[in-house]
Amino acid sequence: MAQALCGVVALDGPSGTGKTTAARKLATQLGAGYLDTGAMYRVATLAVLRAGIDPADEDAVVALVRRTRIEVGTDPGAPSAFLDGAEVGAEIRTEDVNRAVSAVSAVPEIRELLVAEQRRVIREATGSGGGIVVDGRDIGTVVAPEAPLKVFLTASADVRARRRSAQDAAEGRQSSPDQAKASVQRRDHLDSTRATSPLRAADDAVLLDTSDLTIDEVITRLAELADGRGLLGGEVAGVRR
């Protein structure tokens, strides 16, 4: 019987490292909530694109997002994302959103707004002794720097490109390995060089290279780390903590 998670596990890393899949599976295994912070930025980006606003027009982007209701579900078994009450989980994964999300997420005011919401979700999930697995690019450094377990996932550029290409194919998009590699490298550069909350590992984060690991091996390693930090207690089925 799996033990239940009590507290916050922060997973950071660039695209293609498997952090989203790992976060969902870990949360499911440990009976915890799951928060995909990247989905929030994608919903904001979709709103910007639907409104015909240039993602580089920061004032217009901020004004729109301030009056937009952005919600992301925390059930790892049924991920969901809502824009003003309408489910947009599929739309936020399109290539148009992929291309624009870095520009929108780099706007300081947007990060401030969404980080506040992310922290609210985390407080709600852990307020009564529960647990949540949070994935993104600034969780351990900005969103939840007090998280007792922070893990920064890495993988080689070639491995991440293959994973990205496979994901694109699974979602009905076609991209060659070279195109996928260029895409992940572009996103890496944009995320790691932005002025606000750049992608980087927290000073006390555990580095985990997933290049040669299966997803099950990654989950096993993460669960061991959580156990080592004293974050597992009770049983998932009985939810005894």
C-alpha atoms as a PDB file:
ATOM      1  CA  MET A   1       0.000   0.000   0.000  1.00  0.00           C
ATOM      2  CA  ALA A   2       1.510   3.345  -1.038  1.00  0.00           C
ATOM      3  CA  GLN A   3       2.030   5.995   1.594  1.00  0.00           C
ATOM      4  CA  ALA A   4       0.399   9.394   1.296  1.00  0.00           C
ATOM      5  CA  LEU A   5       2.300  12.610   0.699  1.00  0.00           C
ATOM      6  CA  CYS A   6       2.192  15.313   3.355  1.00  0.00           C
ATOM      7  CA  GLY A   7       3.605  18.643   2.173  1.00  0.00           C
ATOM      8  CA  VAL A   8       4.994  20.030  -1.061  1.00  0.00           C
ATOM      9  CA  VAL A   9       7.225  18.419  -3.670  1.00  0.00           C
ATOM     10  CA  ALA A  10       8.574  21.014  -6.113  1.00  0.00           C
ATOM     11  CA  LEU A  11       9.637  19.724  -9.531  1.00  0.00           C
ATOM     12  CA  ASP A  12      11.457  22.087 -11.875  1.00  0.00           C
ATOM     13  CA  GLY A  13      13.257  21.655 -15.158  1.00  0.00           C
ATOM     14  CA  PRO A  14      13.193  22.444 -18.868  1.00  0.00           C
ATOM     15  CA  SER A  15      10.807  20.889 -21.380  1.00  0.00           C
ATOM     16  CA  GLY A  16      11.369  17.264 -22.341  1.00  0.00           C
ATOM     17  CA  THR A  17      12.735  16.130 -18.979  1.00  0.00           C
ATOM     18  CA  GLY A  18       9.517  14.306 -18.153  1.00  0.00           C
ATOM     19  CA  LYS A  19       8.608  16.467 -15.186  1.00  0.00           C
ATOM     20  CA  THR A  20       4.910  16.837 -16.031  1.00  0.00           C
ATOM     21  CA  THR A  21       4.396  13.089 -16.493  1.00  0.00           C
ATOM     22  CA  ALA A  22       6.495  12.393 -13.407  1.00  0.00           C
ATOM     23  CA  ALA A  23       4.596  14.926 -11.314  1.00  0.00           C
ATOM     24  CA  ARG A  24       1.202  13.495 -12.280  1.00  0.00           C
ATOM     25  CA  LYS A  25       2.230   9.896 -11.687  1.00  0.00           C
ATOM     26  CA  LEU A  26       3.932  10.702  -8.392  1.00  0.00           C
ATOM     27  CA  ALA A  27       0.883  12.612  -7.164  1.00  0.00           C
ATOM     28  CA  THR A  28      -1.379   9.725  -8.157  1.00  0.00           C
ATOM     29  CA  GLN A  29       0.825   7.158  -6.428  1.00  0.00           C
ATOM     30  CA  LEU A  30       1.046   9.211  -3.227  1.00  0.00           C
ATOM     31  CA  GLY A  31      -2.597  10.283  -3.080  1.00  0.00           C
ATOM     32  CA  ALA A  32      -1.675  13.944  -3.495  1.00  0.00           C
ATOM     33  CA  GLY A  33      -2.846  16.918  -5.496  1.00  0.00           C
ATOM     34  CA  TYR A  34      -1.031  18.007  -8.654  1.00  0.00           C
ATOM     35  CA  LEU A  35      -0.452  21.518  -9.943  1.00  0.00           C
ATOM     36  CA  ASP A  36       0.838  22.185 -13.463  1.00  0.00           C
ATOM     37  CA  THR A  37       1.891  25.832 -13.199  1.00  0.00           C
ATOM     38  CA  GLY A  38       2.864  25.902 -16.854  1.00  0.00           C
ATOM     39  CA  ALA A  39      -0.759  25.263 -17.777  1.00  0.00           C
ATOM     40  CA  MET A  40      -1.690  28.561 -16.106  1.00  0.00           C
ATOM     41  CA  TYR A  41       0.705  30.475 -18.344  1.00  0.00           C
ATOM     42  CA  ARG A  42      -0.643  28.581 -21.335  1.00  0.00           C
ATOM     43  CA  VAL A  43      -4.214  29.568 -20.486  1.00  0.00           C
ATOM     44  CA  ALA A  44      -3.097  33.194 -20.219  1.00  0.00           C
ATOM     45  CA  THR A  45      -1.335  32.868 -23.571  1.00  0.00           C
ATOM     46  CA  LEU A  46      -4.418  31.372 -25.195  1.00  0.00           C
ATOM     47  CA  ALA A  47      -6.467  34.311 -23.923  1.00  0.00           C
ATOM     48  CA  VAL A  48      -3.955  36.716 -25.447  1.00  0.00           C
ATOM     49  CA  LEU A  49      -4.005  34.933 -28.804  1.00  0.00           C
ATOM     50  CA  ARG A  50      -7.808  34.731 -28.894  1.00  0.00           C
ATOM     51  CA  ALA A  51      -8.009  38.458 -28.227  1.00  0.00           C
ATOM     52  CA  GLY A  52      -5.629  39.178 -31.106  1.00  0.00           C
ATOM     53  CA  ILE A  53      -3.129  40.878 -28.796  1.00  0.00           C
ATOM     54  CA  ASP A  54       0.560  40.929 -29.641  1.00  0.00           C
ATOM     55  CA  PRO A  55       2.311  38.873 -26.907  1.00  0.00           C
ATOM     56  CA  ALA A  56       5.074  41.510 -26.955  1.00  0.00           C
ATOM     57  CA  ASP A  57       2.596  44.259 -25.941  1.00  0.00           C
ATOM     58  CA  GLU A  58       3.079  43.885 -22.193  1.00  0.00           C
ATOM     59  CA  ASP A  59       0.565  46.524 -21.124  1.00  0.00           C
ATOM     60  CA  ALA A  60      -2.208  44.985 -23.209  1.00  0.00           C
ATOM     61  CA  VAL A  61      -1.286  41.465 -22.072  1.00  0.00           C
ATOM     62  CA  VAL A  62      -1.404  42.447 -18.397  1.00  0.00           C
ATOM     63  CA  ALA A  63      -4.698  44.325 -18.783  1.00  0.00           C
ATOM     64  CA  LEU A  64      -6.306  41.295 -20.432  1.00  0.00           C
ATOM     65  CA  VAL A  65      -5.015  38.717 -17.948  1.00  0.00           C
ATOM     66  CA  ARG A  66      -6.136  40.855 -14.993  1.00  0.00           C
ATOM     67  CA  ARG A  67      -9.738  40.530 -16.173  1.00  0.00           C
ATOM     68  CA  THR A  68      -9.449  36.870 -17.201  1.00  0.00           C
ATOM     69  CA  ARG A  69     -10.361  33.957 -14.931  1.00  0.00           C
ATOM     70  CA  ILE A  70      -7.646  31.305 -15.120  1.00  0.00           C
ATOM     71  CA  GLU A  71      -8.135  28.000 -13.333  1.00  0.00           C
ATOM     72  CA  VAL A  72      -6.195  24.738 -13.355  1.00  0.00           C
ATOM     73  CA  GLY A  73      -7.461  21.559 -11.717  1.00  0.00           C
ATOM     74  CA  THR A  74      -5.401  19.641  -9.145  1.00  0.00           C
ATOM     75  CA  ASP A  75      -6.645  16.098  -9.798  1.00  0.00           C
ATOM     76  CA  PRO A  76      -3.644  14.201 -11.251  1.00  0.00           C
ATOM     77  CA  GLY A  77      -5.991  11.688 -12.815  1.00  0.00           C
ATOM     78  CA  ALA A  78      -7.951  14.280 -14.746  1.00  0.00           C
ATOM     79  CA  PRO A  79      -5.868  17.371 -15.576  1.00  0.00           C
ATOM     80  CA  SER A  80      -8.003  20.344 -16.538  1.00  0.00           C
ATOM     81  CA  ALA A  81      -7.575  23.988 -17.477  1.00  0.00           C
ATOM     82  CA  PHE A  82     -10.238  26.656 -17.737  1.00  0.00           C
ATOM     83  CA  LEU A  83     -10.415  30.054 -19.390  1.00  0.00           C
ATOM     84  CA  ASP A  84     -13.294  32.104 -18.006  1.00  0.00           C
ATOM     85  CA  GLY A  85     -15.050  28.891 -17.028  1.00  0.00           C
ATOM     86  CA  ALA A  86     -14.582  27.061 -20.353  1.00  0.00           C
ATOM     87  CA  GLU A  87     -12.365  23.950 -20.511  1.00  0.00           C
ATOM     88  CA  VAL A  88      -9.350  24.576 -22.788  1.00  0.00           C
ATOM     89  CA  GLY A  89      -7.031  21.688 -21.917  1.00  0.00           C
ATOM     90  CA  ALA A  90      -6.479  20.686 -25.532  1.00  0.00           C
ATOM     91  CA  GLU A  91      -6.197  24.189 -26.954  1.00  0.00           C
ATOM     92  CA  ILE A  92      -3.382  25.236 -24.629  1.00  0.00           C
ATOM     93  CA  ARG A  93      -1.141  22.508 -26.107  1.00  0.00           C
ATOM     94  CA  THR A  94      -1.238  23.801 -29.688  1.00  0.00           C
ATOM     95  CA  GLU A  95       1.861  24.976 -31.526  1.00  0.00           C
ATOM     96  CA  ASP A  96       0.582  28.567 -31.579  1.00  0.00           C
ATOM     97  CA  VAL A  97       0.531  28.578 -27.786  1.00  0.00           C
ATOM     98  CA  ASN A  98       3.915  26.828 -27.685  1.00  0.00           C
ATOM     99  CA  ARG A  99       5.452  29.643 -29.701  1.00  0.00           C
ATOM    100  CA  ALA A 100       3.930  32.479 -27.676  1.00  0.00           C
ATOM    101  CA  VAL A 101       3.959  31.199 -24.098  1.00  0.00           C
ATOM    102  CA  SER A 102       7.559  32.212 -23.324  1.00  0.00           C
ATOM    103  CA  ALA A 103       6.844  35.840 -24.236  1.00  0.00           C
ATOM    104  CA  VAL A 104       3.688  35.981 -22.115  1.00  0.00           C
ATOM    105  CA  SER A 105       5.238  34.166 -19.153  1.00  0.00           C
ATOM    106  CA  ALA A 106       8.228  36.522 -19.169  1.00  0.00           C
ATOM    107  CA  VAL A 107       6.048  39.554 -18.307  1.00  0.00           C
ATOM    108  CA  PRO A 108       6.780  40.354 -14.627  1.00  0.00           C
ATOM    109  CA  GLU A 109       3.198  41.379 -13.799  1.00  0.00           C
ATOM    110  CA  ILE A 110       1.843  38.157 -15.295  1.00  0.00           C
ATOM    111  CA  ARG A 111       4.206  36.091 -13.183  1.00  0.00           C
ATOM    112  CA  GLU A 112       3.203  38.065 -10.096  1.00  0.00           C
ATOM    113  CA  LEU A 113      -0.483  37.440 -10.729  1.00  0.00           C
ATOM    114  CA  LEU A 114      -0.143  33.737 -11.447  1.00  0.00           C
ATOM    115  CA  VAL A 115       2.405  33.023  -8.717  1.00  0.00           C
ATOM    116  CA  ALA A 116      -0.073  34.457  -6.203  1.00  0.00           C
ATOM    117  CA  GLU A 117      -2.736  32.059  -7.508  1.00  0.00           C
ATOM    118  CA  GLN A 118      -0.309  29.124  -7.469  1.00  0.00           C
ATOM    119  CA  ARG A 119       0.563  29.826  -3.845  1.00  0.00           C
ATOM    120  CA  ARG A 120      -3.134  29.971  -2.974  1.00  0.00           C
ATOM    121  CA  VAL A 121      -3.691  26.536  -4.528  1.00  0.00           C
ATOM    122  CA  ILE A 122      -0.708  25.124  -2.630  1.00  0.00           C
ATOM    123  CA  ARG A 123      -1.945  26.548   0.683  1.00  0.00           C
ATOM    124  CA  GLU A 124      -5.389  25.078   0.088  1.00  0.00           C
ATOM    125  CA  ALA A 125      -3.981  21.640  -0.761  1.00  0.00           C
ATOM    126  CA  THR A 126      -1.670  21.459   2.255  1.00  0.00           C
ATOM    127  CA  GLY A 127      -3.705  23.406   4.804  1.00  0.00           C
ATOM    128  CA  SER A 128      -5.112  20.313   6.520  1.00  0.00           C
ATOM    129  CA  GLY A 129      -2.018  18.152   6.285  1.00  0.00           C
ATOM    130  CA  GLY A 130      -2.423  17.145   2.668  1.00  0.00           C
ATOM    131  CA  GLY A 131       0.190  17.012  -0.050  1.00  0.00           C
ATOM    132  CA  ILE A 132       0.721  18.388  -3.533  1.00  0.00           C
ATOM    133  CA  VAL A 133       3.258  17.886  -6.306  1.00  0.00           C
ATOM    134  CA  VAL A 134       3.938  21.098  -8.206  1.00  0.00           C
ATOM    135  CA  ASP A 135       5.805  21.276 -11.490  1.00  0.00           C
ATOM    136  CA  GLY A 136       7.132  24.226 -13.442  1.00  0.00           C
ATOM    137  CA  ARG A 137      10.242  26.272 -13.998  1.00  0.00           C
ATOM    138  CA  ASP A 138      10.439  28.437 -10.865  1.00  0.00           C
ATOM    139  CA  ILE A 139       8.727  26.372  -8.184  1.00  0.00           C
ATOM    140  CA  GLY A 140      11.731  25.794  -5.944  1.00  0.00           C
ATOM    141  CA  THR A 141      13.139  29.288  -6.448  1.00  0.00           C
ATOM    142  CA  VAL A 142      10.024  31.504  -6.413  1.00  0.00           C
ATOM    143  CA  VAL A 143       6.647  29.820  -5.993  1.00  0.00           C
ATOM    144  CA  ALA A 144       7.457  27.502  -3.079  1.00  0.00           C
ATOM    145  CA  PRO A 145      11.041  28.149  -1.924  1.00  0.00           C
ATOM    146  CA  GLU A 146      10.114  26.657   1.462  1.00  0.00           C
ATOM    147  CA  ALA A 147       9.165  23.282  -0.081  1.00  0.00           C
ATOM    148  CA  PRO A 148      10.876  20.502   1.903  1.00  0.00           C
ATOM    149  CA  LEU A 149      11.738  18.645  -1.302  1.00  0.00           C
ATOM    150  CA  LYS A 150      12.882  20.417  -4.451  1.00  0.00           C
ATOM    151  CA  VAL A 151      14.017  18.409  -7.453  1.00  0.00           C
ATOM    152  CA  PHE A 152      15.449  19.811 -10.682  1.00  0.00           C
ATOM    153  CA  LEU A 153      15.027  17.358 -13.551  1.00  0.00           C
ATOM    154  CA  THR A 154      17.501  17.391 -16.426  1.00  0.00           C
ATOM    155  CA  ALA A 155      18.118  15.359 -19.583  1.00  0.00           C
ATOM    156  CA  SER A 156      20.342  15.660 -22.623  1.00  0.00           C
ATOM    157  CA  ALA A 157      19.174  17.877 -25.479  1.00  0.00           C
ATOM    158  CA  ASP A 158      18.894  14.897 -27.847  1.00  0.00           C
ATOM    159  CA  VAL A 159      16.777  12.898 -25.405  1.00  0.00           C
ATOM    160  CA  ARG A 160      14.513  15.854 -24.744  1.00  0.00           C
ATOM    161  CA  ALA A 161      14.117  16.437 -28.481  1.00  0.00           C
ATOM    162  CA  ARG A 162      13.058  12.810 -29.029  1.00  0.00           C
ATOM    163  CA  ARG A 163      10.536  13.074 -26.210  1.00  0.00           C
ATOM    164  CA  ARG A 164       9.178  16.329 -27.579  1.00  0.00           C
ATOM    165  CA  SER A 165       8.835  14.840 -31.070  1.00  0.00           C
ATOM    166  CA  ALA A 166       7.013  11.803 -29.645  1.00  0.00           C
ATOM    167  CA  GLN A 167       4.693  14.052 -27.642  1.00  0.00           C
ATOM    168  CA  ASP A 168       3.930  16.122 -30.726  1.00  0.00           C
ATOM    169  CA  ALA A 169       3.057  12.967 -32.656  1.00  0.00           C
ATOM    170  CA  ALA A 170       0.807  11.742 -29.844  1.00  0.00           C
ATOM    171  CA  GLU A 171      -1.033  15.064 -29.898  1.00  0.00           C
ATOM    172  CA  GLY A 172      -1.451  15.065 -33.674  1.00  0.00           C
ATOM    173  CA  ARG A 173       1.429  17.382 -34.529  1.00  0.00           C
ATOM    174  CA  GLN A 174       4.374  16.421 -36.695  1.00  0.00           C
ATOM    175  CA  SER A 175       7.919  17.553 -35.979  1.00  0.00           C
ATOM    176  CA  SER A 176      11.257  16.133 -37.014  1.00  0.00           C
ATOM    177  CA  PRO A 177      13.937  15.455 -34.382  1.00  0.00           C
ATOM    178  CA  ASP A 178      15.836  18.522 -35.630  1.00  0.00           C
ATOM    179  CA  GLN A 179      12.740  20.720 -35.352  1.00  0.00           C
ATOM    180  CA  ALA A 180      11.983  19.372 -31.894  1.00  0.00           C
ATOM    181  CA  LYS A 181      15.564  19.977 -30.759  1.00  0.00           C
ATOM    182  CA  ALA A 182      15.493  23.544 -32.063  1.00  0.00           C
ATOM    183  CA  SER A 183      12.189  24.092 -30.264  1.00  0.00           C
ATOM    184  CA  VAL A 184      13.394  22.865 -26.858  1.00  0.00           C
ATOM    185  CA  GLN A 185      16.649  24.801 -27.180  1.00  0.00           C
ATOM    186  CA  ARG A 186      14.750  27.968 -28.063  1.00  0.00           C
ATOM    187  CA  ARG A 187      12.462  27.521 -25.050  1.00  0.00           C
ATOM    188  CA  ASP A 188      15.471  26.813 -22.810  1.00  0.00           C
ATOM    189  CA  HIS A 189      17.139  30.031 -23.917  1.00  0.00           C
ATOM    190  CA  LEU A 190      14.030  32.153 -23.447  1.00  0.00           C
ATOM    191  CA  ASP A 191      13.211  30.673 -20.039  1.00  0.00           C
ATOM    192  CA  SER A 192      16.743  30.798 -18.656  1.00  0.00           C
ATOM    193  CA  THR A 193      17.523  34.353 -19.803  1.00  0.00           C
ATOM    194  CA  ARG A 194      14.305  36.143 -18.851  1.00  0.00           C
ATOM    195  CA  ALA A 195      14.747  38.875 -16.266  1.00  0.00           C
ATOM    196  CA  THR A 196      11.989  37.663 -13.938  1.00  0.00           C
ATOM    197  CA  SER A 197      12.114  34.181 -12.359  1.00  0.00           C
ATOM    198  CA  PRO A 198      14.547  32.624 -14.848  1.00  0.00           C
ATOM    199  CA  LEU A 199      14.738  28.858 -15.155  1.00  0.00           C
ATOM    200  CA  ARG A 200      17.390  27.596 -12.743  1.00  0.00           C
ATOM    201  CA  ALA A 201      17.807  25.020 -10.024  1.00  0.00           C
ATOM    202  CA  ALA A 202      17.279  26.128  -6.436  1.00  0.00           C
ATOM    203  CA  ASP A 203      20.478  26.059  -4.405  1.00  0.00           C
ATOM    204  CA  ASP A 204      19.150  23.177  -2.298  1.00  0.00           C
ATOM    205  CA  ALA A 205      17.468  21.251  -5.120  1.00  0.00           C
ATOM    206  CA  VAL A 206      18.313  17.626  -5.858  1.00  0.00           C
ATOM    207  CA  LEU A 207      19.476  17.255  -9.464  1.00  0.00           C
ATOM    208  CA  LEU A 208      18.008  14.233 -11.241  1.00  0.00           C
ATOM    209  CA  ASP A 209      19.114  13.362 -14.783  1.00  0.00           C
ATOM    210  CA  THR A 210      16.302  11.433 -16.474  1.00  0.00           C
ATOM    211  CA  SER A 211      18.132  10.768 -19.755  1.00  0.00           C
ATOM    212  CA  ASP A 212      18.589   7.055 -19.123  1.00  0.00           C
ATOM    213  CA  LEU A 213      15.683   6.473 -16.750  1.00  0.00           C
ATOM    214  CA  THR A 214      12.247   5.086 -17.471  1.00  0.00           C
ATOM    215  CA  ILE A 215       9.308   7.014 -16.050  1.00  0.00           C
ATOM    216  CA  ASP A 216       8.812   4.275 -13.443  1.00  0.00           C
ATOM    217  CA  GLU A 217      12.434   4.630 -12.364  1.00  0.00           C
ATOM    218  CA  VAL A 218      11.983   8.389 -12.056  1.00  0.00           C
ATOM    219  CA  ILE A 219       8.874   7.902  -9.890  1.00  0.00           C
ATOM    220  CA  THR A 220      10.685   5.413  -7.682  1.00  0.00           C
ATOM    221  CA  ARG A 221      13.554   7.835  -7.171  1.00  0.00           C
ATOM    222  CA  LEU A 222      11.212  10.741  -6.384  1.00  0.00           C
ATOM    223  CA  ALA A 223       9.229   8.654  -3.898  1.00  0.00           C
ATOM    224  CA  GLU A 224      12.464   7.629  -2.196  1.00  0.00           C
ATOM    225  CA  LEU A 225      13.494  11.268  -1.924  1.00  0.00           C
ATOM    226  CA  ALA A 226      10.122  12.220  -0.462  1.00  0.00           C
ATOM    227  CA  ASP A 227      10.374   9.394   2.045  1.00  0.00           C
ATOM    228  CA  GLY A 228      13.882  10.492   2.950  1.00  0.00           C
ATOM    229  CA  ARG A 229      12.584  13.976   3.746  1.00  0.00           C
ATOM    230  CA  GLY A 230       9.887  12.575   6.026  1.00  0.00           C
ATOM    231  CA  LEU A 231       7.036  13.583   3.711  1.00  0.00           C
ATOM    232  CA  LEU A 232       5.261  10.234   3.574  1.00  0.00           C
ATOM    233  CA  GLY A 233       2.770   9.249   6.228  1.00  0.00           C
ATOM    234  CA  GLY A 234      -0.381   7.188   6.519  1.00  0.00           C
ATOM    235  CA  GLU A 235      -1.781   5.270   3.566  1.00  0.00           C
ATOM    236  CA  VAL A 236      -3.256   6.527   0.319  1.00  0.00           C
ATOM    237  CA  ALA A 237      -6.330   4.308   0.546  1.00  0.00           C
ATOM    238  CA  GLY A 238      -7.202   5.248   4.122  1.00  0.00           C
ATOM    239  CA  VAL A 239      -5.777   8.761   3.929  1.00  0.00           C
ATOM    240  CA  ARG A 240      -4.544   8.385   7.517  1.00  0.00           C
ATOM    241  CA  ARG A 241      -1.939  11.027   8.335  1.00  0.00           C
END
